[in-house]
Amino acid sequence: MFKKFLTITGLACAGISSVVAQEGAAAPALTTLEQKAAYIIASNWAQRIHSQAPDLDLEGMVAGLRDAMKGEKSKISDEEAQKVMQEFQTKMQAAQSEKASANAGKGKEFLDKNAKEEGVTTLPSGLQYSVMKKGDGAKPTAENEVKVHYHGTLTDGTVFDSSVQRGEPAEFGVGQVIKGWTEALQLMPVGSKWKLFIPANLAYGDQSPSPKIPGGSVLIFEVELLGIKDAK
């Protein structure tokens, strides 16, 4: 995880020189192409970093970016940097584990309650689903590629991904997605629309794949199976 953190940092530093201003200076007007591009790159980078390390010291970040962009020698030796980052990584992992554990507890409560709802089926794996529309087509296998429309939310209704909102169906291999999707799709006839309730262990586990999906999250998808691309 932390290697990814450092990679993102390195990539971002290459494009944000016009955003890193001296302390106390007025913010740039963002009128030129370069200023706008730098702002966008920095903003996207900071959102990702914030999702992994929300308590990271802003002044320290700005100081490090400024020195790096100016080509100045780091104020922290390589030896000390290695020790600091090892300690910081341990602290981050502990915090992430604590948050994921809390989310897992909430997810279990949600699934236990949801299992009692009318029309909800719970499979041995823990995957839950309800049929929104029945289909009468073929069922895909793990080797097939499918075309689907989907709308994904957290248990509180927060949308994290939606082909429906983008207005364009998605295409992918049945065996190339999270376990909950792979299991469900092989049970769905073409033309079906199901609502899936996917436990964290059948999704991303304790990991946070994006700022929009906290570790340990139960994921809810409305999935419509439009077709099997490679069906004979």
Protein backbone atom coordinates (compact mmCIF):
# COMPACT_ATOMS: atom_id res chain seq x y z
CA MET A 1 0.00 0.00 0.00
CA PHE A 2 2.70 2.44 0.99
CA LYS A 3 4.71 1.88 -2.18
CA LYS A 4 1.62 3.03 -4.04
CA PHE A 5 1.47 6.05 -1.73
CA LEU A 6 5.04 6.98 -2.60
CA THR A 7 4.52 6.37 -6.31
CA ILE A 8 1.54 8.71 -6.40
CA THR A 9 3.60 11.31 -4.54
CA GLY A 10 6.43 11.10 -7.03
CA LEU A 11 4.15 11.42 -10.03
CA ALA A 12 2.32 14.37 -8.58
CA CYS A 13 5.47 16.33 -7.71
CA ALA A 14 6.36 16.51 -11.38
CA GLY A 15 3.40 18.71 -12.26
CA ILE A 16 2.54 21.03 -9.39
CA SER A 17 5.35 23.56 -9.24
CA SER A 18 3.04 26.49 -9.96
CA VAL A 19 0.72 25.46 -7.12
CA VAL A 20 3.39 25.26 -4.41
CA ALA A 21 3.71 28.94 -3.49
CA GLN A 22 5.66 30.57 -0.70
CA GLU A 23 3.88 30.61 2.65
CA GLY A 24 1.75 33.71 3.01
CA ALA A 25 1.66 34.38 -0.73
CA ALA A 26 -1.66 34.84 -2.48
CA ALA A 27 -3.11 31.82 -4.24
CA PRO A 28 -2.52 31.77 -8.02
CA ALA A 29 -5.30 33.13 -10.18
CA LEU A 30 -5.44 29.90 -12.20
CA THR A 31 -5.67 31.71 -15.52
CA THR A 32 -3.02 29.92 -17.57
CA LEU A 33 -3.14 26.39 -18.91
CA GLU A 34 -0.12 25.46 -16.81
CA GLN A 35 -1.67 26.83 -13.60
CA LYS A 36 -4.95 25.02 -14.17
CA ALA A 37 -3.21 21.74 -15.05
CA ALA A 38 -1.01 22.00 -11.95
CA TYR A 39 -4.02 22.68 -9.76
CA ILE A 40 -5.93 19.69 -11.16
CA ILE A 41 -2.96 17.34 -10.75
CA ALA A 42 -2.32 18.52 -7.21
CA SER A 43 -5.98 18.32 -6.26
CA ASN A 44 -6.38 14.77 -7.57
CA TRP A 45 -3.17 13.70 -5.86
CA ALA A 46 -4.14 15.29 -2.55
CA GLN A 47 -7.55 13.58 -2.57
CA ARG A 48 -5.86 10.19 -2.91
CA ILE A 49 -3.31 10.97 -0.22
CA HIS A 50 -6.02 12.28 2.11
CA SER A 51 -7.95 9.01 1.77
CA GLN A 52 -4.85 7.08 2.91
CA ALA A 53 -3.41 9.56 5.42
CA PRO A 54 -6.06 12.16 6.37
CA ASP A 55 -3.94 13.52 9.23
CA LEU A 56 -0.82 14.13 7.14
CA ASP A 57 0.71 17.51 8.07
CA LEU A 58 -0.04 20.02 5.30
CA GLU A 59 2.87 22.35 6.07
CA GLY A 60 5.27 19.42 5.96
CA MET A 61 3.87 18.35 2.59
CA VAL A 62 4.23 21.85 1.13
CA ALA A 63 7.79 22.16 2.45
CA GLY A 64 8.79 18.83 0.94
CA LEU A 65 7.18 19.64 -2.40
CA ARG A 66 8.80 23.06 -2.54
CA ASP A 67 12.29 21.70 -1.82
CA ALA A 68 11.89 18.89 -4.34
CA MET A 69 10.60 21.19 -7.08
CA LYS A 70 13.51 23.57 -6.51
CA GLY A 71 16.03 20.75 -6.55
CA GLU A 72 17.18 21.50 -3.00
CA LYS A 73 18.71 18.90 -0.71
CA SER A 74 16.23 17.14 1.56
CA LYS A 75 16.16 18.35 5.16
CA ILE A 76 15.87 14.71 6.28
CA SER A 77 18.66 12.20 5.65
CA ASP A 78 17.98 8.96 3.79
CA GLU A 79 18.65 6.95 6.94
CA GLU A 80 16.22 8.96 9.04
CA ALA A 81 13.66 8.99 6.21
CA GLN A 82 13.65 5.20 6.10
CA LYS A 83 13.05 4.94 9.85
CA VAL A 84 10.34 7.62 9.80
CA MET A 85 8.46 6.05 6.90
CA GLN A 86 8.57 2.57 8.47
CA GLU A 87 7.10 3.96 11.68
CA PHE A 88 4.53 6.02 9.78
CA GLN A 89 3.51 3.04 7.65
CA THR A 90 2.93 0.96 10.77
CA LYS A 91 0.80 3.74 12.24
CA MET A 92 -1.22 4.07 9.01
CA GLN A 93 -1.82 0.33 8.76
CA ALA A 94 -3.03 0.19 12.36
CA ALA A 95 -5.44 3.06 11.76
CA GLN A 96 -6.69 1.47 8.54
CA SER A 97 -7.20 -1.85 10.28
CA GLU A 98 -9.16 -0.18 13.08
CA LYS A 99 -11.44 1.61 10.60
CA ALA A 100 -11.92 -1.53 8.52
CA SER A 101 -12.84 -3.50 11.66
CA ALA A 102 -15.45 -0.89 12.59
CA ASN A 103 -16.86 -0.96 9.06
CA ALA A 104 -16.94 -4.77 9.13
CA GLY A 105 -19.01 -4.67 12.32
CA LYS A 106 -21.49 -2.26 10.76
CA GLY A 107 -21.54 -4.38 7.61
CA LYS A 108 -22.39 -7.52 9.55
CA GLU A 109 -25.27 -5.75 11.29
CA PHE A 110 -26.56 -4.56 7.92
CA LEU A 111 -26.35 -8.01 6.30
CA ASP A 112 -27.94 -9.77 9.29
CA LYS A 113 -30.89 -7.39 9.10
CA ASN A 114 -31.04 -7.47 5.31
CA ALA A 115 -31.17 -11.28 5.27
CA LYS A 116 -34.61 -11.06 6.92
CA GLU A 117 -36.01 -8.78 4.22
CA GLU A 118 -38.63 -10.23 1.88
CA GLY A 119 -37.18 -11.48 -1.39
CA VAL A 120 -33.56 -11.54 -0.22
CA THR A 121 -31.62 -14.77 -0.75
CA THR A 122 -28.45 -15.48 1.19
CA LEU A 123 -25.98 -17.89 -0.40
CA PRO A 124 -23.54 -20.09 1.57
CA SER A 125 -20.70 -17.69 0.71
CA GLY A 126 -22.55 -14.87 2.46
CA LEU A 127 -23.51 -13.12 -0.78
CA GLN A 128 -27.07 -11.80 -0.73
CA TYR A 129 -29.28 -10.89 -3.66
CA SER A 130 -32.83 -10.03 -4.62
CA VAL A 131 -34.29 -10.39 -8.11
CA MET A 132 -35.50 -7.08 -9.55
CA LYS A 133 -36.25 -8.47 -13.02
CA LYS A 134 -36.20 -12.06 -14.24
CA GLY A 135 -34.37 -13.00 -17.40
CA ASP A 136 -34.68 -16.07 -19.59
CA GLY A 137 -31.36 -16.06 -21.41
CA ALA A 138 -28.21 -18.12 -20.98
CA LYS A 139 -26.05 -17.94 -17.87
CA PRO A 140 -22.40 -16.93 -18.29
CA THR A 141 -19.45 -18.94 -17.03
CA ALA A 142 -16.31 -17.65 -15.36
CA GLU A 143 -14.58 -17.77 -18.76
CA ASN A 144 -17.16 -15.58 -20.50
CA GLU A 145 -17.08 -11.85 -21.08
CA VAL A 146 -20.31 -10.01 -20.31
CA LYS A 147 -22.00 -6.70 -20.97
CA VAL A 148 -23.74 -5.16 -17.96
CA HIS A 149 -25.25 -2.01 -16.55
CA TYR A 150 -24.66 -1.45 -12.86
CA HIS A 151 -25.11 1.07 -10.06
CA GLY A 152 -22.90 0.70 -6.98
CA THR A 153 -23.48 2.22 -3.54
CA LEU A 154 -22.36 1.85 0.05
CA THR A 155 -24.91 0.85 2.69
CA ASP A 156 -25.59 4.54 3.43
CA GLY A 157 -26.54 5.16 -0.19
CA THR A 158 -23.30 6.85 -1.25
CA VAL A 159 -22.70 6.18 -4.96
CA PHE A 160 -19.12 5.07 -5.68
CA ASP A 161 -19.46 3.84 -9.27
CA SER A 162 -22.25 3.63 -11.83
CA SER A 163 -22.30 2.72 -15.50
CA VAL A 164 -25.93 3.90 -15.42
CA GLN A 165 -24.87 7.41 -14.48
CA ARG A 166 -22.17 7.36 -17.17
CA GLY A 167 -24.77 6.23 -19.70
CA GLU A 168 -22.57 3.44 -21.07
CA PRO A 169 -22.67 -0.30 -20.22
CA ALA A 170 -19.50 -2.00 -18.99
CA GLU A 171 -17.82 -5.05 -20.51
CA PHE A 172 -15.47 -7.36 -18.64
CA GLY A 173 -14.58 -10.97 -17.94
CA VAL A 174 -16.74 -12.74 -15.35
CA GLY A 175 -13.63 -14.13 -13.67
CA GLN A 176 -11.83 -10.79 -13.62
CA VAL A 177 -13.97 -8.94 -11.07
CA ILE A 178 -14.54 -9.16 -7.31
CA LYS A 179 -15.66 -12.54 -5.99
CA GLY A 180 -19.20 -11.40 -5.25
CA TRP A 181 -19.72 -10.35 -8.87
CA THR A 182 -18.16 -13.54 -10.25
CA GLU A 183 -20.45 -15.71 -8.14
CA ALA A 184 -23.61 -13.74 -8.87
CA LEU A 185 -23.13 -13.35 -12.61
CA GLN A 186 -22.88 -17.11 -13.11
CA LEU A 187 -26.33 -17.47 -11.53
CA MET A 188 -27.98 -14.73 -13.60
CA PRO A 189 -29.72 -15.46 -16.91
CA VAL A 190 -29.23 -12.79 -19.57
CA GLY A 191 -31.98 -10.21 -19.23
CA SER A 192 -31.96 -10.40 -15.43
CA LYS A 193 -31.55 -7.47 -13.08
CA TRP A 194 -30.47 -8.31 -9.54
CA LYS A 195 -29.62 -6.31 -6.48
CA LEU A 196 -26.44 -7.66 -4.89
CA PHE A 197 -25.37 -7.19 -1.28
CA ILE A 198 -21.69 -8.12 -1.22
CA PRO A 199 -19.81 -8.70 2.07
CA ALA A 200 -16.37 -7.15 2.33
CA ASN A 201 -14.64 -10.56 2.11
CA LEU A 202 -16.22 -11.03 -1.34
CA ALA A 203 -15.28 -7.50 -2.40
CA TYR A 204 -12.12 -5.65 -1.32
CA GLY A 205 -11.70 -6.93 2.23
CA ASP A 206 -9.98 -4.50 4.58
CA GLN A 207 -8.35 -2.63 1.72
CA SER A 208 -9.61 0.69 0.38
CA PRO A 209 -9.45 0.45 -3.44
CA SER A 210 -10.44 4.11 -3.84
CA PRO A 211 -11.26 7.13 -1.69
CA LYS A 212 -14.94 6.36 -2.22
CA ILE A 213 -14.80 2.83 -0.77
CA PRO A 214 -13.52 2.51 2.83
CA GLY A 215 -11.88 -0.74 3.86
CA GLY A 216 -14.27 -3.36 5.27
CA SER A 217 -17.26 -2.02 3.33
CA VAL A 218 -20.34 -3.97 2.27
CA LEU A 219 -21.06 -3.06 -1.36
CA ILE A 220 -24.51 -2.88 -2.93
CA PHE A 221 -24.96 -3.18 -6.68
CA GLU A 222 -27.95 -3.13 -8.97
CA VAL A 223 -26.73 -5.27 -11.87
CA GLU A 224 -28.47 -5.82 -15.18
CA LEU A 225 -26.97 -8.57 -17.35
CA LEU A 226 -27.39 -7.32 -20.91
CA GLY A 227 -25.54 -10.05 -22.77
CA ILE A 228 -22.70 -12.55 -23.04
CA LYS A 229 -20.24 -11.21 -25.56
CA ASP A 230 -18.57 -14.47 -26.47
CA ALA A 231 -21.61 -16.76 -26.25
CA LYS A 232 -21.89 -19.24 -29.09
